[in-house]
Amino acid sequence: MILVTTDYITGKNLETIGLVKGGTIQTKHIGKDISQFLKHLVGGELKAYTEMMDNARALATKRMVEEAEKLGADAVVGIRFSSAAVMQGAAEIIVYGTAVKFM
């Protein structure tokens, strides 16, 4: 499965199948949340949250790819990510794009 942020794939003629998406809401364990709060006071990267967001993006992308595969897609073009805070320490990640077949 080819995944790109562009609306085309060089050298390929594309037939649009439709919108595909994947999403997840992730949170950290309360112990990690407290340690990250303390880190916030002194500054620096919040590594536990960086890891949480990386994992959330990977899971959301996996779900989008699974949806595209069910439709028989060869690729997903125009991929975009969106995130939003749901509550303290929790984030929603959505990834979406256009499933296409090669002609």
PDB file of N, CA and C in Angstrom:
ATOM      1  N   MET A   1       0.857  -1.177   0.000  1.00  0.00           N
ATOM      2  CA  MET A   1       0.000   0.000   0.000  1.00  0.00           C
ATOM      3  C   MET A   1       0.895   1.229   0.000  1.00  0.00           C
ATOM      4  N   ILE A   2       0.684   2.091  -0.970  1.00  0.00           N
ATOM      5  CA  ILE A   2       1.434   3.338  -1.053  1.00  0.00           C
ATOM      6  C   ILE A   2       0.627   4.426  -0.345  1.00  0.00           C
ATOM      7  N   LEU A   3       1.291   5.183   0.522  1.00  0.00           N
ATOM      8  CA  LEU A   3       0.663   6.269   1.271  1.00  0.00           C
ATOM      9  C   LEU A   3       1.417   7.557   0.966  1.00  0.00           C
ATOM     10  N   VAL A   4       0.703   8.578   0.466  1.00  0.00           N
ATOM     11  CA  VAL A   4       1.354   9.846   0.140  1.00  0.00           C
ATOM     12  C   VAL A   4       0.478  11.020   0.558  1.00  0.00           C
ATOM     13  N   THR A   5       1.125  12.140   0.816  1.00  0.00           N
ATOM     14  CA  THR A   5       0.386  13.355   1.146  1.00  0.00           C
ATOM     15  C   THR A   5       0.014  14.150  -0.104  1.00  0.00           C
ATOM     16  N   THR A   6       0.612  13.817  -1.233  1.00  0.00           N
ATOM     17  CA  THR A   6       0.287  14.491  -2.488  1.00  0.00           C
ATOM     18  C   THR A   6      -1.013  13.928  -3.051  1.00  0.00           C
ATOM     19  N   ASP A   7      -1.579  14.633  -4.032  1.00  0.00           N
ATOM     20  CA  ASP A   7      -2.817  14.192  -4.657  1.00  0.00           C
ATOM     21  C   ASP A   7      -2.568  13.302  -5.863  1.00  0.00           C
ATOM     22  N   TYR A   8      -1.330  12.920  -6.088  1.00  0.00           N
ATOM     23  CA  TYR A   8      -0.953  12.099  -7.244  1.00  0.00           C
ATOM     24  C   TYR A   8       0.233  11.214  -6.865  1.00  0.00           C
ATOM     25  N   ILE A   9       0.481  10.232  -7.709  1.00  0.00           N
ATOM     26  CA  ILE A   9       1.679   9.397  -7.583  1.00  0.00           C
ATOM     27  C   ILE A   9       2.333   9.431  -8.952  1.00  0.00           C
ATOM     28  N   THR A  10       3.535   9.946  -9.015  1.00  0.00           N
ATOM     29  CA  THR A  10       4.234  10.110 -10.283  1.00  0.00           C
ATOM     30  C   THR A  10       4.260   8.800 -11.072  1.00  0.00           C
ATOM     31  N   GLY A  11       3.860   8.898 -12.343  1.00  0.00           N
ATOM     32  CA  GLY A  11       3.889   7.744 -13.232  1.00  0.00           C
ATOM     33  C   GLY A  11       2.689   6.817 -13.122  1.00  0.00           C
ATOM     34  N   LYS A  12       1.714   7.159 -12.284  1.00  0.00           N
ATOM     35  CA  LYS A  12       0.533   6.304 -12.094  1.00  0.00           C
ATOM     36  C   LYS A  12      -0.729   7.067 -12.480  1.00  0.00           C
ATOM     37  N   ASN A  13      -1.615   6.399 -13.210  1.00  0.00           N
ATOM     38  CA  ASN A  13      -2.959   6.917 -13.453  1.00  0.00           C
ATOM     39  C   ASN A  13      -3.847   6.359 -12.356  1.00  0.00           C
ATOM     40  N   LEU A  14      -4.609   7.233 -11.727  1.00  0.00           N
ATOM     41  CA  LEU A  14      -5.376   6.843 -10.547  1.00  0.00           C
ATOM     42  C   LEU A  14      -6.871   6.899 -10.795  1.00  0.00           C
ATOM     43  N   GLU A  15      -7.559   5.916 -10.242  1.00  0.00           N
ATOM     44  CA  GLU A  15      -9.020   5.904 -10.222  1.00  0.00           C
ATOM     45  C   GLU A  15      -9.441   6.068  -8.764  1.00  0.00           C
ATOM     46  N   THR A  16     -10.234   7.083  -8.490  1.00  0.00           N
ATOM     47  CA  THR A  16     -10.672   7.363  -7.120  1.00  0.00           C
ATOM     48  C   THR A  16     -11.691   6.339  -6.652  1.00  0.00           C
ATOM     49  N   ILE A  17     -11.470   5.809  -5.461  1.00  0.00           N
ATOM     50  CA  ILE A  17     -12.432   4.904  -4.827  1.00  0.00           C
ATOM     51  C   ILE A  17     -13.276   5.692  -3.827  1.00  0.00           C
ATOM     52  N   GLY A  18     -12.614   6.453  -2.953  1.00  0.00           N
ATOM     53  CA  GLY A  18     -13.345   7.249  -1.980  1.00  0.00           C
ATOM     54  C   GLY A  18     -12.533   7.560  -0.735  1.00  0.00           C
ATOM     55  N   LEU A  19     -13.170   8.257   0.172  1.00  0.00           N
ATOM     56  CA  LEU A  19     -12.555   8.671   1.431  1.00  0.00           C
ATOM     57  C   LEU A  19     -12.328   7.468   2.344  1.00  0.00           C
ATOM     58  N   VAL A  20     -11.152   7.427   2.944  1.00  0.00           N
ATOM     59  CA  VAL A  20     -10.868   6.436   3.987  1.00  0.00           C
ATOM     60  C   VAL A  20     -10.295   7.182   5.181  1.00  0.00           C
ATOM     61  N   LYS A  21     -10.539   6.634   6.370  1.00  0.00           N
ATOM     62  CA  LYS A  21     -10.062   7.296   7.572  1.00  0.00           C
ATOM     63  C   LYS A  21      -9.764   6.285   8.658  1.00  0.00           C
ATOM     64  N   GLY A  22      -9.015   6.739   9.622  1.00  0.00           N
ATOM     65  CA  GLY A  22      -8.720   5.943  10.809  1.00  0.00           C
ATOM     66  C   GLY A  22      -8.582   6.902  11.968  1.00  0.00           C
ATOM     67  N   GLY A  23      -8.880   6.429  13.144  1.00  0.00           N
ATOM     68  CA  GLY A  23      -8.780   7.306  14.308  1.00  0.00           C
ATOM     69  C   GLY A  23      -8.602   6.533  15.591  1.00  0.00           C
ATOM     70  N   THR A  24      -8.204   7.258  16.618  1.00  0.00           N
ATOM     71  CA  THR A  24      -8.061   6.690  17.950  1.00  0.00           C
ATOM     72  C   THR A  24      -8.046   7.822  18.968  1.00  0.00           C
ATOM     73  N   ILE A  25      -8.387   7.495  20.183  1.00  0.00           N
ATOM     74  CA  ILE A  25      -8.229   8.416  21.311  1.00  0.00           C
ATOM     75  C   ILE A  25      -7.293   7.724  22.287  1.00  0.00           C
ATOM     76  N   GLN A  26      -6.231   8.411  22.649  1.00  0.00           N
ATOM     77  CA  GLN A  26      -5.206   7.834  23.509  1.00  0.00           C
ATOM     78  C   GLN A  26      -5.033   8.681  24.768  1.00  0.00           C
ATOM     79  N   THR A  27      -4.638   8.027  25.832  1.00  0.00           N
ATOM     80  CA  THR A  27      -4.316   8.711  27.085  1.00  0.00           C
ATOM     81  C   THR A  27      -3.133   7.999  27.734  1.00  0.00           C
ATOM     82  N   LYS A  28      -2.489   8.650  28.662  1.00  0.00           N
ATOM     83  CA  LYS A  28      -1.382   8.047  29.390  1.00  0.00           C
ATOM     84  C   LYS A  28      -1.854   7.610  30.767  1.00  0.00           C
ATOM     85  N   HIS A  29      -1.169   6.633  31.316  1.00  0.00           N
ATOM     86  CA  HIS A  29      -1.400   6.154  32.685  1.00  0.00           C
ATOM     87  C   HIS A  29      -1.231   7.319  33.653  1.00  0.00           C
ATOM     88  N   ILE A  30      -2.016   7.378  34.687  1.00  0.00           N
ATOM     89  CA  ILE A  30      -2.004   8.497  35.632  1.00  0.00           C
ATOM     90  C   ILE A  30      -0.611   8.751  36.206  1.00  0.00           C
ATOM     91  N   GLY A  31       0.154   7.702  36.437  1.00  0.00           N
ATOM     92  CA  GLY A  31       1.522   7.882  36.943  1.00  0.00           C
ATOM     93  C   GLY A  31       2.384   8.628  35.949  1.00  0.00           C
ATOM     94  N   LYS A  32       2.273   8.281  34.682  1.00  0.00           N
ATOM     95  CA  LYS A  32       3.011   8.984  33.626  1.00  0.00           C
ATOM     96  C   LYS A  32       2.518  10.412  33.510  1.00  0.00           C
ATOM     97  N   ASP A  33       1.212  10.609  33.670  1.00  0.00           N
ATOM     98  CA  ASP A  33       0.636  11.940  33.557  1.00  0.00           C
ATOM     99  C   ASP A  33       1.212  12.862  34.631  1.00  0.00           C
ATOM    100  N   ILE A  34       1.341  12.361  35.843  1.00  0.00           N
ATOM    101  CA  ILE A  34       1.899  13.158  36.936  1.00  0.00           C
ATOM    102  C   ILE A  34       3.355  13.499  36.663  1.00  0.00           C
ATOM    103  N   SER A  35       4.131  12.516  36.198  1.00  0.00           N
ATOM    104  CA  SER A  35       5.546  12.783  35.910  1.00  0.00           C
ATOM    105  C   SER A  35       5.687  13.802  34.789  1.00  0.00           C
ATOM    106  N   GLN A  36       4.782  13.772  33.813  1.00  0.00           N
ATOM    107  CA  GLN A  36       4.845  14.737  32.720  1.00  0.00           C
ATOM    108  C   GLN A  36       4.448  16.133  33.192  1.00  0.00           C
ATOM    109  N   PHE A  37       3.530  16.206  34.158  1.00  0.00           N
ATOM    110  CA  PHE A  37       3.157  17.496  34.740  1.00  0.00           C
ATOM    111  C   PHE A  37       4.367  18.117  35.429  1.00  0.00           C
ATOM    112  N   LEU A  38       5.108  17.309  36.158  1.00  0.00           N
ATOM    113  CA  LEU A  38       6.294  17.819  36.841  1.00  0.00           C
ATOM    114  C   LEU A  38       7.338  18.284  35.826  1.00  0.00           C
ATOM    115  N   LYS A  39       7.484  17.569  34.732  1.00  0.00           N
ATOM    116  CA  LYS A  39       8.414  17.951  33.678  1.00  0.00           C
ATOM    117  C   LYS A  39       7.985  19.287  33.071  1.00  0.00           C
ATOM    118  N   HIS A  40       6.670  19.491  32.958  1.00  0.00           N
ATOM    119  CA  HIS A  40       6.129  20.739  32.425  1.00  0.00           C
ATOM    120  C   HIS A  40       6.589  21.934  33.263  1.00  0.00           C
ATOM    121  N   LEU A  41       6.732  21.740  34.559  1.00  0.00           N
ATOM    122  CA  LEU A  41       7.139  22.827  35.448  1.00  0.00           C
ATOM    123  C   LEU A  41       8.570  23.276  35.200  1.00  0.00           C
ATOM    124  N   VAL A  42       9.447  22.339  34.828  1.00  0.00           N
ATOM    125  CA  VAL A  42      10.854  22.687  34.640  1.00  0.00           C
ATOM    126  C   VAL A  42      11.238  22.848  33.177  1.00  0.00           C
ATOM    127  N   GLY A  43      10.363  22.453  32.276  1.00  0.00           N
ATOM    128  CA  GLY A  43      10.638  22.609  30.845  1.00  0.00           C
ATOM    129  C   GLY A  43      11.254  21.369  30.236  1.00  0.00           C
ATOM    130  N   GLY A  44      11.206  21.312  28.927  1.00  0.00           N
ATOM    131  CA  GLY A  44      11.784  20.194  28.192  1.00  0.00           C
ATOM    132  C   GLY A  44      10.717  19.373  27.490  1.00  0.00           C
ATOM    133  N   GLU A  45      11.162  18.399  26.728  1.00  0.00           N
ATOM    134  CA  GLU A  45      10.253  17.541  25.960  1.00  0.00           C
ATOM    135  C   GLU A  45       9.464  16.621  26.883  1.00  0.00           C
ATOM    136  N   LEU A  46       8.186  16.487  26.609  1.00  0.00           N
ATOM    137  CA  LEU A  46       7.333  15.565  27.348  1.00  0.00           C
ATOM    138  C   LEU A  46       7.363  14.229  26.608  1.00  0.00           C
ATOM    139  N   LYS A  47       8.385  13.439  26.876  1.00  0.00           N
ATOM    140  CA  LYS A  47       8.647  12.224  26.102  1.00  0.00           C
ATOM    141  C   LYS A  47       7.509  11.216  26.150  1.00  0.00           C
ATOM    142  N   ALA A  48       6.847  11.091  27.285  1.00  0.00           N
ATOM    143  CA  ALA A  48       5.736  10.130  27.373  1.00  0.00           C
ATOM    144  C   ALA A  48       4.604  10.542  26.438  1.00  0.00           C
ATOM    145  N   TYR A  49       4.366  11.851  26.310  1.00  0.00           N
ATOM    146  CA  TYR A  49       3.313  12.326  25.414  1.00  0.00           C
ATOM    147  C   TYR A  49       3.741  12.234  23.949  1.00  0.00           C
ATOM    148  N   THR A  50       5.017  12.467  23.688  1.00  0.00           N
ATOM    149  CA  THR A  50       5.530  12.294  22.323  1.00  0.00           C
ATOM    150  C   THR A  50       5.344  10.848  21.887  1.00  0.00           C
ATOM    151  N   GLU A  51       5.688   9.922  22.772  1.00  0.00           N
ATOM    152  CA  GLU A  51       5.516   8.499  22.486  1.00  0.00           C
ATOM    153  C   GLU A  51       4.039   8.153  22.293  1.00  0.00           C
ATOM    154  N   MET A  52       3.169   8.712  23.141  1.00  0.00           N
ATOM    155  CA  MET A  52       1.740   8.459  23.031  1.00  0.00           C
ATOM    156  C   MET A  52       1.223   8.925  21.670  1.00  0.00           C
ATOM    157  N   MET A  53       1.623  10.120  21.230  1.00  0.00           N
ATOM    158  CA  MET A  53       1.158  10.657  19.957  1.00  0.00           C
ATOM    159  C   MET A  53       1.719   9.857  18.781  1.00  0.00           C
ATOM    160  N   ASP A  54       2.967   9.424  18.860  1.00  0.00           N
ATOM    161  CA  ASP A  54       3.543   8.570  17.806  1.00  0.00           C
ATOM    162  C   ASP A  54       2.749   7.274  17.678  1.00  0.00           C
ATOM    163  N   ASN A  55       2.449   6.651  18.809  1.00  0.00           N
ATOM    164  CA  ASN A  55       1.672   5.407  18.799  1.00  0.00           C
ATOM    165  C   ASN A  55       0.261   5.632  18.267  1.00  0.00           C
ATOM    166  N   ALA A  56      -0.347   6.753  18.656  1.00  0.00           N
ATOM    167  CA  ALA A  56      -1.699   7.065  18.198  1.00  0.00           C
ATOM    168  C   ALA A  56      -1.726   7.280  16.687  1.00  0.00           C
ATOM    169  N   ARG A  57      -0.740   8.009  16.139  1.00  0.00           N
ATOM    170  CA  ARG A  57      -0.673   8.213  14.686  1.00  0.00           C
ATOM    171  C   ARG A  57      -0.484   6.895  13.959  1.00  0.00           C
ATOM    172  N   ALA A  58       0.358   6.026  14.497  1.00  0.00           N
ATOM    173  CA  ALA A  58       0.593   4.722  13.861  1.00  0.00           C
ATOM    174  C   ALA A  58      -0.680   3.883  13.862  1.00  0.00           C
ATOM    175  N   LEU A  59      -1.410   3.860  14.964  1.00  0.00           N
ATOM    176  CA  LEU A  59      -2.645   3.080  15.055  1.00  0.00           C
ATOM    177  C   LEU A  59      -3.716   3.645  14.119  1.00  0.00           C
ATOM    178  N   ALA A  60      -3.865   4.969  14.095  1.00  0.00           N
ATOM    179  CA  ALA A  60      -4.850   5.594  13.218  1.00  0.00           C
ATOM    180  C   ALA A  60      -4.516   5.302  11.751  1.00  0.00           C
ATOM    181  N   THR A  61      -3.243   5.368  11.393  1.00  0.00           N
ATOM    182  CA  THR A  61      -2.814   5.077  10.018  1.00  0.00           C
ATOM    183  C   THR A  61      -3.095   3.623   9.672  1.00  0.00           C
ATOM    184  N   LYS A  62      -2.812   2.717  10.592  1.00  0.00           N
ATOM    185  CA  LYS A  62      -3.091   1.294  10.372  1.00  0.00           C
ATOM    186  C   LYS A  62      -4.578   1.082  10.094  1.00  0.00           C
ATOM    187  N   ARG A  63      -5.431   1.728  10.852  1.00  0.00           N
ATOM    188  CA  ARG A  63      -6.878   1.582  10.663  1.00  0.00           C
ATOM    189  C   ARG A  63      -7.323   2.146   9.315  1.00  0.00           C
ATOM    190  N   MET A  64      -6.716   3.259   8.887  1.00  0.00           N
ATOM    191  CA  MET A  64      -7.040   3.830   7.583  1.00  0.00           C
ATOM    192  C   MET A  64      -6.624   2.873   6.466  1.00  0.00           C
ATOM    193  N   VAL A  65      -5.431   2.307   6.579  1.00  0.00           N
ATOM    194  CA  VAL A  65      -4.938   1.358   5.573  1.00  0.00           C
ATOM    195  C   VAL A  65      -5.840   0.129   5.507  1.00  0.00           C
ATOM    196  N   GLU A  66      -6.274  -0.379   6.642  1.00  0.00           N
ATOM    197  CA  GLU A  66      -7.179  -1.538   6.659  1.00  0.00           C
ATOM    198  C   GLU A  66      -8.485  -1.222   5.929  1.00  0.00           C
ATOM    199  N   GLU A  67      -9.010  -0.004   6.135  1.00  0.00           N
ATOM    200  CA  GLU A  67     -10.230   0.406   5.448  1.00  0.00           C
ATOM    201  C   GLU A  67      -9.992   0.484   3.937  1.00  0.00           C
ATOM    202  N   ALA A  68      -8.844   1.032   3.539  1.00  0.00           N
ATOM    203  CA  ALA A  68      -8.504   1.133   2.117  1.00  0.00           C
ATOM    204  C   ALA A  68      -8.338  -0.254   1.495  1.00  0.00           C
ATOM    205  N   GLU A  69      -7.714  -1.163   2.210  1.00  0.00           N
ATOM    206  CA  GLU A  69      -7.526  -2.531   1.692  1.00  0.00           C
ATOM    207  C   GLU A  69      -8.862  -3.229   1.487  1.00  0.00           C
ATOM    208  N   LYS A  70      -9.811  -3.007   2.386  1.00  0.00           N
ATOM    209  CA  LYS A  70     -11.146  -3.607   2.239  1.00  0.00           C
ATOM    210  C   LYS A  70     -11.836  -3.124   0.966  1.00  0.00           C
ATOM    211  N   LEU A  71     -11.502  -1.905   0.538  1.00  0.00           N
ATOM    212  CA  LEU A  71     -12.082  -1.344  -0.681  1.00  0.00           C
ATOM    213  C   LEU A  71     -11.303  -1.742  -1.938  1.00  0.00           C
ATOM    214  N   GLY A  72     -10.203  -2.475  -1.755  1.00  0.00           N
ATOM    215  CA  GLY A  72      -9.385  -2.902  -2.886  1.00  0.00           C
ATOM    216  C   GLY A  72      -8.438  -1.835  -3.401  1.00  0.00           C
ATOM    217  N   ALA A  73      -8.101  -0.874  -2.584  1.00  0.00           N
ATOM    218  CA  ALA A  73      -7.218   0.219  -2.992  1.00  0.00           C
ATOM    219  C   ALA A  73      -5.770  -0.238  -3.129  1.00  0.00           C
ATOM    220  N   ASP A  74      -5.070   0.439  -4.033  1.00  0.00           N
ATOM    221  CA  ASP A  74      -3.630   0.224  -4.193  1.00  0.00           C
ATOM    222  C   ASP A  74      -2.829   1.268  -3.423  1.00  0.00           C
ATOM    223  N   ALA A  75      -3.470   2.402  -3.135  1.00  0.00           N
ATOM    224  CA  ALA A  75      -2.783   3.506  -2.471  1.00  0.00           C
ATOM    225  C   ALA A  75      -3.803   4.424  -1.812  1.00  0.00           C
ATOM    226  N   VAL A  76      -3.280   5.297  -0.939  1.00  0.00           N
ATOM    227  CA  VAL A  76      -4.080   6.373  -0.367  1.00  0.00           C
ATOM    228  C   VAL A  76      -3.311   7.666  -0.633  1.00  0.00           C
ATOM    229  N   VAL A  77      -3.970   8.617  -1.284  1.00  0.00           N
ATOM    230  CA  VAL A  77      -3.345   9.898  -1.605  1.00  0.00           C
ATOM    231  C   VAL A  77      -3.991  11.008  -0.790  1.00  0.00           C
ATOM    232  N   GLY A  78      -3.300  12.147  -0.742  1.00  0.00           N
ATOM    233  CA  GLY A  78      -3.848  13.309  -0.040  1.00  0.00           C
ATOM    234  C   GLY A  78      -4.020  13.093   1.446  1.00  0.00           C
ATOM    235  N   ILE A  79      -3.124  12.334   2.044  1.00  0.00           N
ATOM    236  CA  ILE A  79      -3.262  11.995   3.471  1.00  0.00           C
ATOM    237  C   ILE A  79      -3.050  13.232   4.345  1.00  0.00           C
ATOM    238  N   ARG A  80      -3.926  13.364   5.338  1.00  0.00           N
ATOM    239  CA  ARG A  80      -3.842  14.452   6.311  1.00  0.00           C
ATOM    240  C   ARG A  80      -4.080  13.889   7.709  1.00  0.00           C
ATOM    241  N   PHE A  81      -3.405  14.501   8.676  1.00  0.00           N
ATOM    242  CA  PHE A  81      -3.590  14.149  10.085  1.00  0.00           C
ATOM    243  C   PHE A  81      -4.240  15.312  10.809  1.00  0.00           C
ATOM    244  N   SER A  82      -5.059  14.992  11.788  1.00  0.00           N
ATOM    245  CA  SER A  82      -5.675  16.011  12.632  1.00  0.00           C
ATOM    246  C   SER A  82      -5.663  15.491  14.065  1.00  0.00           C
ATOM    247  N   SER A  83      -5.447  16.393  14.998  1.00  0.00           N
ATOM    248  CA  SER A  83      -5.481  15.984  16.405  1.00  0.00           C
ATOM    249  C   SER A  83      -6.243  17.022  17.216  1.00  0.00           C
ATOM    250  N   ALA A  84      -6.802  16.562  18.308  1.00  0.00           N
ATOM    251  CA  ALA A  84      -7.543  17.441  19.201  1.00  0.00           C
ATOM    252  C   ALA A  84      -7.453  16.900  20.617  1.00  0.00           C
ATOM    253  N   ALA A  85      -7.399  17.802  21.575  1.00  0.00           N
ATOM    254  CA  ALA A  85      -7.439  17.398  22.979  1.00  0.00           C
ATOM    255  C   ALA A  85      -8.880  17.041  23.323  1.00  0.00           C
ATOM    256  N   VAL A  86      -9.058  15.868  23.927  1.00  0.00           N
ATOM    257  CA  VAL A  86     -10.387  15.413  24.313  1.00  0.00           C
ATOM    258  C   VAL A  86     -10.648  15.765  25.774  1.00  0.00           C
ATOM    259  N   MET A  87      -9.618  15.577  26.583  1.00  0.00           N
ATOM    260  CA  MET A  87      -9.661  15.918  28.003  1.00  0.00           C
ATOM    261  C   MET A  87      -8.215  16.015  28.465  1.00  0.00           C
ATOM    262  N   GLN A  88      -7.990  16.375  29.702  1.00  0.00           N
ATOM    263  CA  GLN A  88      -6.628  16.493  30.217  1.00  0.00           C
ATOM    264  C   GLN A  88      -5.866  15.188  30.022  1.00  0.00           C
ATOM    265  N   GLY A  89      -4.776  15.232  29.263  1.00  0.00           N
ATOM    266  CA  GLY A  89      -3.936  14.060  29.069  1.00  0.00           C
ATOM    267  C   GLY A  89      -4.425  13.079  28.022  1.00  0.00           C
ATOM    268  N   ALA A  90      -5.482  13.414  27.287  1.00  0.00           N
ATOM    269  CA  ALA A  90      -6.002  12.519  26.244  1.00  0.00           C
ATOM    270  C   ALA A  90      -6.107  13.283  24.935  1.00  0.00           C
ATOM    271  N   ALA A  91      -5.784  12.597  23.849  1.00  0.00           N
ATOM    272  CA  ALA A  91      -5.823  13.231  22.535  1.00  0.00           C
ATOM    273  C   ALA A  91      -6.490  12.313  21.531  1.00  0.00           C
ATOM    274  N   GLU A  92      -7.248  12.934  20.618  1.00  0.00           N
ATOM    275  CA  GLU A  92      -7.852  12.206  19.505  1.00  0.00           C
ATOM    276  C   GLU A  92      -6.995  12.464  18.270  1.00  0.00           C
ATOM    277  N   ILE A  93      -6.693  11.399  17.535  1.00  0.00           N
ATOM    278  CA  ILE A  93      -5.947  11.502  16.289  1.00  0.00           C
ATOM    279  C   ILE A  93      -6.827  10.943  15.183  1.00  0.00           C
ATOM    280  N   ILE A  94      -6.955  11.693  14.112  1.00  0.00           N
ATOM    281  CA  ILE A  94      -7.679  11.247  12.924  1.00  0.00           C
ATOM    282  C   ILE A  94      -6.715  11.363  11.745  1.00  0.00           C
ATOM    283  N   VAL A  95      -6.696  10.354  10.894  1.00  0.00           N
ATOM    284  CA  VAL A  95      -5.943  10.413   9.636  1.00  0.00           C
ATOM    285  C   VAL A  95      -6.932  10.069   8.526  1.00  0.00           C
ATOM    286  N   TYR A  96      -6.853  10.798   7.425  1.00  0.00           N
ATOM    287  CA  TYR A  96      -7.778  10.542   6.324  1.00  0.00           C
ATOM    288  C   TYR A  96      -7.106  10.821   4.991  1.00  0.00           C
ATOM    289  N   GLY A  97      -7.657  10.231   3.958  1.00  0.00           N
ATOM    290  CA  GLY A  97      -7.127  10.431   2.614  1.00  0.00           C
ATOM    291  C   GLY A  97      -8.082   9.825   1.608  1.00  0.00           C
ATOM    292  N   THR A  98      -7.662   9.810   0.359  1.00  0.00           N
ATOM    293  CA  THR A  98      -8.481   9.268  -0.728  1.00  0.00           C
ATOM    294  C   THR A  98      -7.894   7.955  -1.185  1.00  0.00           C
ATOM    295  N   ALA A  99      -8.694   6.899  -1.095  1.00  0.00           N
ATOM    296  CA  ALA A  99      -8.288   5.578  -1.571  1.00  0.00           C
ATOM    297  C   ALA A  99      -8.362   5.574  -3.103  1.00  0.00           C
ATOM    298  N   VAL A 100      -7.324   5.021  -3.744  1.00  0.00           N
ATOM    299  CA  VAL A 100      -7.274   4.984  -5.205  1.00  0.00           C
ATOM    300  C   VAL A 100      -6.806   3.615  -5.686  1.00  0.00           C
ATOM    301  N   LYS A 101      -7.165   3.314  -6.938  1.00  0.00           N
ATOM    302  CA  LYS A 101      -6.669   2.122  -7.629  1.00  0.00           C
ATOM    303  C   LYS A 101      -5.809   2.606  -8.781  1.00  0.00           C
ATOM    304  N   PHE A 102      -4.813   1.807  -9.148  1.00  0.00           N
ATOM    305  CA  PHE A 102      -3.994   2.107 -10.312  1.00  0.00           C
ATOM    306  C   PHE A 102      -4.737   1.635 -11.559  1.00  0.00           C
ATOM    307  N   MET A 103      -4.688   2.464 -12.601  1.00  0.00           N
ATOM    308  CA  MET A 103      -5.350   2.104 -13.856  1.00  0.00           C
ATOM    309  C   MET A 103      -4.324   1.565 -14.851  1.00  0.00           C
TER     310      MET A 103
END
